[in-house]
Protein backbone atom coordinates (compact mmCIF):
# COMPACT_ATOMS: atom_id res chain seq x y z
CA MET A 1 7.72 -13.84 -9.46
CA THR A 2 6.80 -16.10 -6.58
CA ASP A 3 3.85 -15.59 -4.25
CA GLN A 4 6.33 -14.95 -1.46
CA GLN A 5 7.91 -12.08 -3.42
CA LYS A 6 4.50 -10.57 -4.12
CA LEU A 7 3.52 -10.80 -0.47
CA TYR A 8 6.81 -9.20 0.56
CA ARG A 9 6.20 -6.32 -1.85
CA VAL A 10 2.67 -5.73 -0.55
CA PHE A 11 3.94 -5.59 3.04
CA ARG A 12 6.77 -3.31 1.91
CA LEU A 13 4.19 -1.06 0.23
CA ILE A 14 2.24 -0.85 3.49
CA GLN A 15 5.45 0.13 5.25
CA LEU A 16 6.34 2.77 2.65
CA LEU A 17 2.86 4.29 2.56
CA SER A 18 2.48 4.44 6.33
CA GLN A 19 5.57 6.53 7.04
CA PRO A 20 6.41 10.04 5.81
CA PRO A 21 6.85 11.38 3.23
CA TYR A 22 3.94 10.94 0.85
CA ARG A 23 5.20 9.08 -2.21
CA THR A 24 4.27 9.07 -5.88
CA VAL A 25 3.69 5.91 -7.89
CA ALA A 26 6.96 6.65 -9.72
CA GLN A 27 8.82 6.66 -6.40
CA LEU A 28 7.03 3.54 -5.18
CA ASP A 29 7.70 1.54 -8.35
CA LYS A 30 11.42 2.22 -8.04
CA LEU A 31 11.50 1.31 -4.34
CA LEU A 32 9.51 -1.89 -4.93
CA GLU A 33 11.29 -2.68 -8.21
CA VAL A 34 8.01 -3.17 -10.10
CA ASN A 35 6.21 -1.30 -12.86
CA PRO A 36 3.65 1.44 -12.12
CA ARG A 37 0.73 -0.81 -13.09
CA THR A 38 1.75 -3.27 -10.36
CA VAL A 39 1.84 -0.46 -7.78
CA TYR A 40 -1.72 0.51 -8.74
CA ARG A 41 -2.80 -3.15 -8.48
CA TYR A 42 -1.29 -3.42 -5.00
CA ILE A 43 -2.97 -0.15 -3.94
CA ASN A 44 -6.31 -1.46 -5.22
CA LEU A 45 -5.73 -4.73 -3.36
CA LEU A 46 -5.08 -2.89 -0.09
CA GLU A 47 -8.17 -0.71 -0.59
CA GLY A 48 -10.18 -3.86 -1.24
CA LEU A 49 -8.95 -5.23 2.06
CA GLY A 50 -10.22 -2.13 3.85
CA TYR A 51 -7.12 0.05 4.00
CA ASN A 52 -7.82 3.76 3.52
CA ILE A 53 -5.13 5.07 1.20
CA ASP A 54 -5.08 8.84 0.84
CA LYS A 55 -3.99 10.58 -2.36
CA LYS A 56 -2.67 14.11 -1.96
CA ASP A 57 -2.06 16.83 -4.53
CA GLY A 58 0.74 15.91 -6.88
CA GLY A 59 -0.29 12.23 -6.94
CA ARG A 60 1.33 11.37 -3.62
CA TYR A 61 -0.08 8.45 -1.65
CA TYR A 62 -0.20 7.90 2.08
CA LEU A 63 -1.68 5.24 4.35
CA PHE A 64 -2.71 6.29 7.83
CA LEU A 65 -2.59 3.32 10.18
CA GLU A 66 -4.23 3.54 13.54
CA PHE A 67 -4.68 0.28 15.38
CA LYS A 68 -7.20 -0.17 18.10
CA GLU A 69 -7.38 -3.17 20.37
CA ASP A 70 -10.54 -4.53 18.75
CA GLN A 71 -9.59 -3.63 15.16
CA GLN A 72 -8.55 -6.26 12.62
CA LEU A 73 -5.62 -5.84 10.23
CA ILE A 74 -7.68 -7.25 7.36
CA ASN A 75 -11.44 -6.93 6.94
CA PRO A 76 -12.65 -10.48 6.12
CA ASP A 77 -16.04 -9.15 4.94
CA LYS A 78 -14.58 -7.49 1.84
């Protein structure tokens, strides 16, 4: 897999997590065409970058995005 494909999948994961409905890892791995371990790695990567990913009952994940004028997309301090 190329770096470009990985980057595309991470951006696709952000898109999937930030719009309803909440999704399970099993749903996300099918949509991204990766294995569950890769989904968890991508989620950990996003959390490491400062994204707050919420996990609901039933193992469903959601990412609430709220952008403010002075807010950065990626936290360079992490």
